[in-house]
Protein backbone atom coordinates (compact mmCIF):
# COMPACT_ATOMS: atom_id res chain seq x y z
CA MET A 1 0.00 0.00 0.00
CA ALA A 2 1.41 3.32 -1.02
CA ALA A 3 0.95 6.23 1.30
CA VAL A 4 -0.59 9.26 -0.37
CA GLY A 5 1.33 12.50 -0.09
CA MET A 6 0.45 15.39 2.13
CA ALA A 7 2.57 18.40 3.00
CA ALA A 8 4.70 17.12 5.83
CA ALA A 9 5.89 18.98 8.86
CA GLY A 10 9.59 18.74 9.58
CA THR A 11 11.21 15.99 7.56
CA ALA A 12 8.49 13.36 7.73
CA PRO A 13 8.20 11.36 4.49
CA GLU A 14 5.35 11.72 2.06
CA GLY A 15 2.11 10.28 3.38
CA ILE A 16 2.85 11.35 6.95
CA VAL A 17 2.16 14.61 8.72
CA ARG A 18 3.68 14.93 12.14
CA ARG A 19 3.99 17.54 14.87
CA GLU A 20 6.21 17.09 17.88
CA LEU A 21 4.56 17.95 21.18
CA PRO A 22 6.90 19.22 23.91
CA SER A 23 6.85 17.51 27.27
CA ASN A 24 4.96 20.43 28.81
CA ASP A 25 2.34 20.53 26.04
CA PRO A 26 -1.16 20.52 27.56
CA ALA A 27 -2.09 17.60 25.30
CA PRO A 28 -5.12 15.47 26.17
CA PHE A 29 -4.43 12.77 28.76
CA HIS A 30 -0.90 14.00 29.55
CA GLY A 31 0.04 12.65 32.97
CA ALA A 32 -0.65 9.56 35.03
CA ALA A 33 -3.81 10.89 36.68
CA THR A 34 -5.54 11.36 33.33
CA SER A 35 -4.89 8.03 31.59
CA PRO A 36 -7.42 7.61 28.77
CA ILE A 37 -8.14 4.05 29.83
CA ARG A 38 -8.72 5.22 33.41
CA LEU A 39 -11.05 7.96 32.18
CA LEU A 40 -13.13 5.34 30.42
CA GLN A 41 -13.36 3.38 33.64
CA HIS A 42 -15.24 6.27 35.31
CA ASP A 43 -18.18 6.00 32.91
CA PRO A 44 -17.20 3.81 29.97
CA ARG A 45 -20.57 3.80 28.19
CA VAL A 46 -20.91 7.57 28.03
CA LEU A 47 -17.32 8.15 27.02
CA GLU A 48 -17.30 5.35 24.45
CA ALA A 49 -20.48 6.71 22.86
CA ALA A 50 -18.98 10.19 22.65
CA PHE A 51 -15.68 8.94 21.24
CA SER A 52 -17.38 6.67 18.70
CA ALA A 53 -19.56 9.53 17.47
CA ALA A 54 -16.41 11.59 16.97
CA LYS A 55 -14.60 8.64 15.31
CA LEU A 56 -12.04 9.04 18.03
CA GLY A 57 -10.61 6.46 20.39
CA VAL A 58 -7.97 6.20 23.09
CA TRP A 59 -5.09 3.80 23.40
CA GLU A 60 -2.14 3.02 25.59
CA CYS A 61 0.87 0.75 25.51
CA THR A 62 2.72 -0.10 28.71
CA LEU A 63 6.50 -0.16 28.75
CA PRO A 64 8.65 -2.12 28.47
CA ASP A 65 6.30 -5.12 28.11
CA GLU A 66 4.50 -3.54 25.09
CA ARG A 67 1.05 -4.51 26.38
CA LEU A 68 -1.45 -2.72 24.16
CA GLN A 69 -4.91 -1.54 25.19
CA TRP A 70 -7.49 0.06 22.91
CA SER A 71 -10.91 1.53 23.46
CA ASP A 72 -13.70 0.08 21.32
CA ALA A 73 -13.62 3.19 19.12
CA VAL A 74 -10.02 2.44 18.09
CA ARG A 75 -11.00 -1.16 17.35
CA ASP A 76 -13.77 0.20 15.13
CA ILE A 77 -11.31 2.42 13.26
CA PHE A 78 -8.99 -0.52 12.56
CA GLU A 79 -11.94 -2.93 12.15
CA VAL A 80 -10.63 -5.26 14.84
CA PRO A 81 -13.48 -7.29 16.42
CA ARG A 82 -14.08 -7.10 20.16
CA GLY A 83 -12.49 -9.90 22.09
CA ILE A 84 -9.59 -10.45 19.70
CA ALA A 85 -6.22 -10.02 21.38
CA LEU A 86 -4.20 -7.07 20.13
CA SER A 87 -0.77 -7.63 18.63
CA ARG A 88 1.37 -4.55 18.14
CA ASP A 89 3.21 -6.19 15.23
CA ALA A 90 -0.09 -6.95 13.48
CA ILE A 91 -1.31 -3.39 13.99
CA VAL A 92 1.94 -1.84 12.73
CA SER A 93 1.58 -3.94 9.56
CA CYS A 94 -1.61 -1.98 8.78
CA TYR A 95 0.51 1.07 7.98
CA ALA A 96 2.28 1.77 4.71
CA PRO A 97 5.99 0.88 4.86
CA GLU A 98 7.04 4.55 5.00
CA ALA A 99 4.48 5.31 7.69
CA SER A 100 5.44 2.22 9.68
CA SER A 101 9.09 3.25 9.58
CA GLU A 102 8.32 6.83 10.59
CA LEU A 103 5.98 5.66 13.34
CA GLY A 104 8.76 3.51 14.78
CA ARG A 105 11.22 6.40 14.65
CA LEU A 106 8.84 8.89 16.25
CA ARG A 107 7.82 6.40 18.93
CA SER A 108 11.40 5.55 19.86
CA GLU A 109 12.36 9.23 19.98
CA ALA A 110 9.30 10.10 22.07
CA ILE A 111 10.08 7.36 24.61
CA ALA A 112 13.75 8.33 24.78
CA ARG A 113 13.06 12.05 25.23
CA GLY A 114 9.78 11.91 27.11
CA VAL A 115 7.97 14.02 24.51
CA GLY A 116 4.79 13.56 22.53
CA PHE A 117 4.12 13.65 18.81
CA GLU A 118 1.31 13.83 16.30
CA PHE A 119 1.15 12.49 12.76
CA ASP A 120 -1.30 11.53 10.03
CA ALA A 121 -0.93 8.35 8.01
CA GLU A 122 -2.86 6.08 5.69
CA ILE A 123 -3.71 2.58 6.90
CA VAL A 124 -5.33 -0.56 5.55
CA THR A 125 -7.59 -2.05 8.22
CA LEU A 126 -7.72 -5.75 9.04
CA ARG A 127 -10.73 -5.97 6.67
CA GLY A 128 -8.91 -4.22 3.85
CA THR A 129 -10.48 -0.76 4.14
CA ARG A 130 -8.23 2.20 3.38
CA LYS A 131 -8.46 4.98 5.93
CA TRP A 132 -6.54 8.00 7.12
CA ILE A 133 -5.95 8.37 10.86
CA ARG A 134 -4.43 11.01 13.12
CA ILE A 135 -2.42 9.77 16.08
CA THR A 136 -1.61 11.94 19.08
CA ALA A 137 0.79 10.41 21.59
CA SER A 138 2.20 11.32 25.00
CA VAL A 139 4.70 9.53 27.22
CA GLU A 140 4.37 8.98 30.96
CA VAL A 141 7.70 9.02 32.79
CA VAL A 142 8.04 7.87 36.42
CA ASP A 143 11.30 8.52 38.28
CA GLY A 144 13.07 9.11 34.99
CA THR A 145 11.81 5.90 33.41
CA PRO A 146 9.18 5.84 30.63
CA VAL A 147 6.40 3.49 31.74
CA ARG A 148 3.65 4.15 29.19
CA ILE A 149 2.95 5.73 25.82
CA PHE A 150 -0.67 6.66 25.24
CA GLY A 151 -3.00 9.01 23.42
CA ILE A 152 -5.73 9.35 20.81
CA LYS A 153 -6.39 7.84 17.38
CA ARG A 154 -8.95 9.56 15.19
CA ASP A 155 -10.44 8.61 11.83
CA ILE A 156 -9.84 11.58 9.51
CA THR A 157 -10.74 9.82 6.25
CA GLU A 158 -13.51 12.25 5.32
CA GLU A 159 -11.33 15.23 6.19
CA ARG A 160 -8.61 13.78 4.00
CA ARG A 161 -10.98 13.28 1.08
CA LEU A 162 -12.12 16.87 1.38
CA PHE A 163 -8.50 18.01 1.57
CA GLU A 164 -7.59 16.01 -1.54
CA ARG A 165 -10.62 17.39 -3.39
CA LEU A 166 -9.75 20.96 -2.49
CA ARG A 167 -6.12 20.39 -3.44
CA TYR A 168 -7.21 18.89 -6.76
CA LEU A 169 -9.39 21.91 -7.50
CA ALA A 170 -6.52 24.23 -6.58
CA GLU A 171 -3.80 22.43 -8.55
CA CYS A 172 -5.52 20.64 -11.45
CA ASP A 173 -7.41 21.60 -14.56
CA THR A 174 -10.83 20.05 -14.01
CA LEU A 175 -11.52 19.50 -17.72
CA THR A 176 -8.36 17.60 -18.65
CA GLY A 177 -7.02 16.42 -15.30
CA LEU A 178 -3.64 17.98 -16.06
CA ALA A 179 -1.88 20.43 -13.78
CA ASN A 180 -3.27 23.96 -14.05
CA ARG A 181 -1.55 27.32 -14.39
CA ALA A 182 -1.14 27.70 -10.63
CA SER A 183 0.73 24.39 -10.48
CA PHE A 184 2.80 25.42 -13.50
CA ASN A 185 3.76 28.69 -11.82
CA ALA A 186 4.67 26.84 -8.63
CA ALA A 187 6.86 24.42 -10.59
CA LEU A 188 8.60 27.35 -12.26
CA ALA A 189 9.27 28.92 -8.87
CA ASP A 190 10.82 25.67 -7.67
CA LEU A 191 12.98 25.50 -10.79
CA ARG A 192 14.14 29.08 -10.33
CA ALA A 193 15.17 28.33 -6.76
CA ALA A 194 16.95 25.12 -7.78
CA ALA A 195 18.72 26.86 -10.67
CA ARG A 196 20.54 29.12 -8.24
CA HIS A 197 22.13 26.06 -6.66
CA GLY A 198 22.82 24.26 -9.93
CA THR A 199 20.52 21.70 -11.53
CA GLY A 200 20.26 19.48 -14.58
CA ASP A 201 19.02 21.23 -17.70
CA VAL A 202 15.26 21.45 -17.97
CA ALA A 203 13.38 22.10 -21.19
CA LEU A 204 10.13 24.02 -21.36
CA LEU A 205 7.82 23.16 -24.25
CA LEU A 206 4.96 25.62 -24.76
CA MET A 207 2.27 24.38 -27.13
CA ASP A 208 -0.74 25.94 -28.83
CA LEU A 209 -3.28 23.92 -30.80
CA ASP A 210 -3.63 24.89 -34.47
CA GLY A 211 -7.17 24.77 -35.80
CA PHE A 212 -8.82 24.47 -32.41
CA LYS A 213 -10.79 27.73 -32.61
CA SER A 214 -12.55 26.66 -35.80
CA ILE A 215 -13.67 23.41 -34.13
CA ASN A 216 -15.09 25.36 -31.20
CA ASP A 217 -16.82 27.87 -33.47
CA THR A 218 -18.18 25.31 -35.95
CA HIS A 219 -19.03 22.28 -33.80
CA GLY A 220 -19.52 23.77 -30.34
CA HIS A 221 -17.67 23.87 -27.07
CA HIS A 222 -18.56 20.28 -26.17
CA CYS A 223 -16.57 19.10 -29.20
CA GLY A 224 -13.76 21.46 -28.28
CA ASP A 225 -13.73 19.97 -24.78
CA ASP A 226 -13.42 16.48 -26.25
CA VAL A 227 -10.44 17.61 -28.34
CA LEU A 228 -8.75 19.13 -25.29
CA GLN A 229 -9.24 15.94 -23.26
CA VAL A 230 -7.87 13.72 -26.02
CA THR A 231 -4.93 16.08 -26.50
CA ALA A 232 -4.16 15.95 -22.78
CA ARG A 233 -3.94 12.14 -22.84
CA ARG A 234 -1.74 12.24 -25.94
CA LEU A 235 0.59 14.72 -24.28
CA GLU A 236 0.95 12.50 -21.23
CA ARG A 237 1.73 9.47 -23.37
CA ALA A 238 4.22 11.41 -25.50
CA CYS A 239 6.31 12.55 -22.52
CA PRO A 240 5.85 10.08 -19.65
CA LYS A 241 9.01 11.28 -17.87
CA ALA A 242 7.94 14.92 -17.73
CA ARG A 243 8.18 16.78 -14.46
CA LEU A 244 4.91 18.49 -15.27
CA VAL A 245 2.31 18.48 -18.03
CA ALA A 246 -0.09 21.39 -17.65
CA ARG A 247 -2.94 23.13 -19.38
CA ILE A 248 -2.20 26.80 -18.84
CA GLY A 249 -4.91 28.41 -20.98
CA GLY A 250 -7.74 27.65 -23.37
CA ASP A 251 -5.77 25.59 -25.90
CA GLU A 252 -2.34 26.26 -24.41
CA PHE A 253 -0.26 23.54 -22.81
CA ALA A 254 3.15 23.37 -21.17
CA VAL A 255 5.61 20.55 -20.53
CA LEU A 256 8.58 20.72 -18.16
CA ILE A 257 11.06 17.90 -18.69
CA GLU A 258 14.72 17.20 -18.08
CA ALA A 259 16.18 17.05 -21.59
CA ASP A 260 19.00 18.34 -23.76
CA ARG A 261 18.39 19.81 -27.21
CA ALA A 262 18.37 16.46 -29.01
CA ALA A 263 16.00 14.85 -26.53
CA ALA A 264 13.71 17.88 -26.50
CA ALA A 265 13.52 17.82 -30.31
CA THR A 266 12.58 14.14 -30.24
CA ILE A 267 9.87 14.76 -27.66
CA ALA A 268 8.48 17.77 -29.54
CA ALA A 269 8.37 15.81 -32.81
CA ARG A 270 6.56 13.01 -31.01
CA ILE A 271 4.01 15.46 -29.61
CA VAL A 272 3.41 17.09 -33.00
CA ALA A 273 2.83 13.68 -34.59
CA ALA A 274 0.54 12.52 -31.78
CA VAL A 275 -1.59 15.67 -31.74
CA ALA A 276 -1.99 15.55 -35.54
CA GLU A 277 -3.71 12.15 -35.38
CA PRO A 278 -7.43 12.51 -36.22
CA ILE A 279 -9.90 12.56 -33.35
CA ASP A 280 -13.12 10.61 -33.92
CA ASP A 281 -15.92 11.10 -31.39
CA GLY A 282 -18.34 8.77 -33.16
CA GLU A 283 -20.18 11.58 -34.91
CA ALA A 284 -17.39 13.48 -36.65
CA THR A 285 -13.64 13.45 -37.14
CA TYR A 286 -11.57 16.42 -36.05
CA ARG A 287 -8.01 17.40 -36.83
CA VAL A 288 -5.78 19.83 -34.98
CA GLY A 289 -2.09 20.56 -35.08
CA ALA A 290 0.49 21.63 -32.53
CA SER A 291 2.86 24.60 -32.61
CA ILE A 292 5.59 24.22 -29.99
CA GLY A 293 8.25 26.59 -28.69
CA ILE A 294 11.18 25.23 -26.69
CA ALA A 295 13.56 26.95 -24.29
CA PHE A 296 16.15 25.63 -21.85
CA LEU A 297 16.62 26.74 -18.28
CA GLY A 298 20.40 26.58 -18.52
CA ALA A 299 20.60 28.77 -21.63
CA SER A 300 17.75 31.18 -20.91
CA GLY A 301 18.19 31.53 -17.17
CA PRO A 302 15.35 31.45 -14.67
CA ASP A 303 14.07 34.94 -15.45
CA ARG A 304 13.70 34.51 -19.24
CA PHE A 305 12.75 30.85 -19.37
CA VAL A 306 9.05 31.30 -20.20
CA ARG A 307 9.53 34.37 -22.41
CA ASP A 308 12.08 32.56 -24.54
CA ALA A 309 9.83 29.52 -24.98
CA ASP A 310 6.97 31.84 -25.88
CA ALA A 311 9.12 33.58 -28.48
CA ALA A 312 10.04 30.21 -29.97
CA LEU A 313 6.35 29.29 -30.06
CA TYR A 314 5.59 32.39 -32.12
CA ALA A 315 8.40 31.41 -34.47
CA ALA A 316 6.80 27.97 -34.91
CA LYS A 317 3.50 29.61 -35.82
CA ALA A 318 5.22 31.97 -38.25
CA ALA A 319 6.92 28.95 -39.87
CA GLY A 320 3.60 27.47 -40.90
CA ARG A 321 2.27 25.87 -37.71
CA ASN A 322 2.10 22.15 -36.85
CA THR A 323 5.83 22.28 -36.10
CA PHE A 324 8.26 23.24 -33.35
CA ARG A 325 11.07 25.73 -32.91
CA MET A 326 13.87 25.99 -30.38
CA PHE A 327 14.92 29.28 -28.89
CA ASP A 328 18.05 30.54 -30.62
CA ALA A 329 19.52 33.99 -29.92
CA GLU A 330 21.50 34.04 -33.17
CA HIS A 331 18.37 33.41 -35.21
CA LEU A 332 16.52 36.28 -33.55
CA ARG A 333 19.27 38.69 -34.51
CA SER A 334 18.69 37.83 -38.17
CA LEU A 335 14.92 38.17 -37.72
CA ALA A 336 15.36 41.50 -35.97
CA ALA A 337 17.59 42.72 -38.78
CA ALA A 338 15.00 41.66 -41.36
CA ALA A 339 12.30 43.38 -39.33
CA GLY A 340 14.31 46.59 -39.21
CA ALA A 341 14.85 46.49 -42.96
CA ARG A 342 11.07 46.28 -43.43
CA GLY A 343 10.26 49.05 -40.97
CA VAL A 344 9.21 46.81 -38.07
CA ASP A 345 10.39 47.90 -34.63
CA ALA A 346 12.72 45.06 -33.56
CA SER A 347 11.97 45.77 -29.90
CA GLU A 348 8.52 44.30 -30.49
CA PHE A 349 10.10 40.86 -30.41
CA GLY A 350 10.74 41.40 -26.71
CA THR A 351 13.23 38.51 -26.42
CA PRO A 352 16.85 37.91 -27.44
CA GLY A 353 16.31 34.83 -29.62
CA LEU A 354 14.12 32.64 -31.80
CA GLY A 355 14.03 29.42 -33.59
CA THR A 356 15.96 26.37 -34.58
CA PRO A 357 13.68 24.70 -37.15
CA GLY A 358 11.63 21.67 -36.26
CA LEU A 359 9.19 19.71 -38.38
CA GLY A 360 7.98 21.41 -41.53
CA THR A 361 4.48 20.04 -42.01
CA PRO A 362 1.46 21.96 -43.31
CA GLY A 363 -0.35 23.96 -40.66
CA LEU A 364 -3.96 23.79 -39.54
CA GLY A 365 -6.30 26.48 -38.30
CA THR A 366 -5.72 30.18 -37.94
CA PRO A 367 -2.56 31.04 -36.01
CA GLU A 368 -2.24 33.72 -33.40
CA SER A 369 1.13 35.42 -33.23
CA GLY A 370 2.98 38.32 -31.68
CA PRO A 371 2.77 41.78 -33.28
CA ALA A 372 6.23 41.71 -34.84
CA LEU A 373 5.71 38.27 -36.35
CA ARG A 374 2.34 39.30 -37.73
CA LYS A 375 4.01 42.26 -39.45
CA LEU A 376 6.80 40.05 -40.81
CA ARG A 377 4.28 37.62 -42.26
CA SER A 378 2.38 40.44 -43.92
C-alpha cells in the first residue's frame, strides 16, 4: 500500500504529517492521573459513545512489556473485532511501509526524550479498508523511566478526502485532469530556486493547438472539450518522464522535462505527430495541429525561461504551424535585422532569440502570433 502525499511537517516522508509535542504541552491525557483508559473506567458507556460519534478512540501501551490496550472506538477504526487479542506487530503492519518506519522512529524518539508527537498516516484495516488516521501520543515518565505511551487515534478519512478534493481543485485543470496554471507557476518557482544552486538542464515546451478555434466555433464547445481531453492524454503518453504536463490556458499547454536539445527535439516531434492524429468522437472526425516553442533553463536563465519559450512558439507559428522551434539567440538577430529592414520595430520581439527549425508540415487552423511576427508575415 502506497501512502498518499500530504505536506509534511519537519522531515516526515510523504504520506505522513507529524507535529512534535513538547513535554509540557497541555495535550489530552498528559500525565498519570488522566490516563485515557482510566477515564473510560469512570463511565465507559458515556465516554465510548462520545468517542465513537467523533470517530475518536484512546489507546495506551505499557513499557517495556508492550502490552497494548485500545478503546472500542479504536478497534472500530482498525476494524478489529471485540475480544480479539491485540498484537502490536499486526497493527503496525496496517501502515504503509514509510508510515510504519516513521511511526517507529517517532515512537522511539518520544520514549527516549519523554515528549509527545502527532502524525497523520494512511492505513489498511484488518478488513482491507483504506483509511486515514491522526495519532496523538504522549509519554508517561516515572522517576526518569518511561512506563507508558498513550494518546488518541482519530479517523480523519472524510477530512482527508475533502482536503484532496480541495487540493485537486486548486492544482488541477478540471476538464483535462492535467496540472493547471497555478501548479505550473509553482513548478517554475521551484525551478528558479533550484537553478541558483545548480541543476540538470530542464526544457520548457509551450504548445498551442492549431485549428482548435474553428472546431469550437463550428461544432460547439462540447466538441472542443473532447479535443482538449484527447490532446491531454496524448501529451501525457508522448512525454511520460515529464516533471509536469499542464494546461495553462484555453488551448495552451506546457511541458517541463529534463532534456538536452536532441532529446527535446525528439519529444516535440513526437508530440506534433501525436496531436496531428485525427480525433473521432463517433459523430465526426476532427483534426488539430500543434505549434511548440522550446527553451532551456540553462541557456535562458530562470528569469527569461518562459519568455524565450513563448518567443520560440511564435516562431513555430510563423513557420507554418504544426511544427516546433527551439529558442536561438542568433536566429533572432537575423529576424530583428529583417524586421528593421522592413520598418518593423525590432523591440517588439521582446526577447533575445528565436528558432531552430523543427518539423515542416502543413499547418492547420488560424494562427495567433505576436505583433512583430504578424508584421513580418504580412
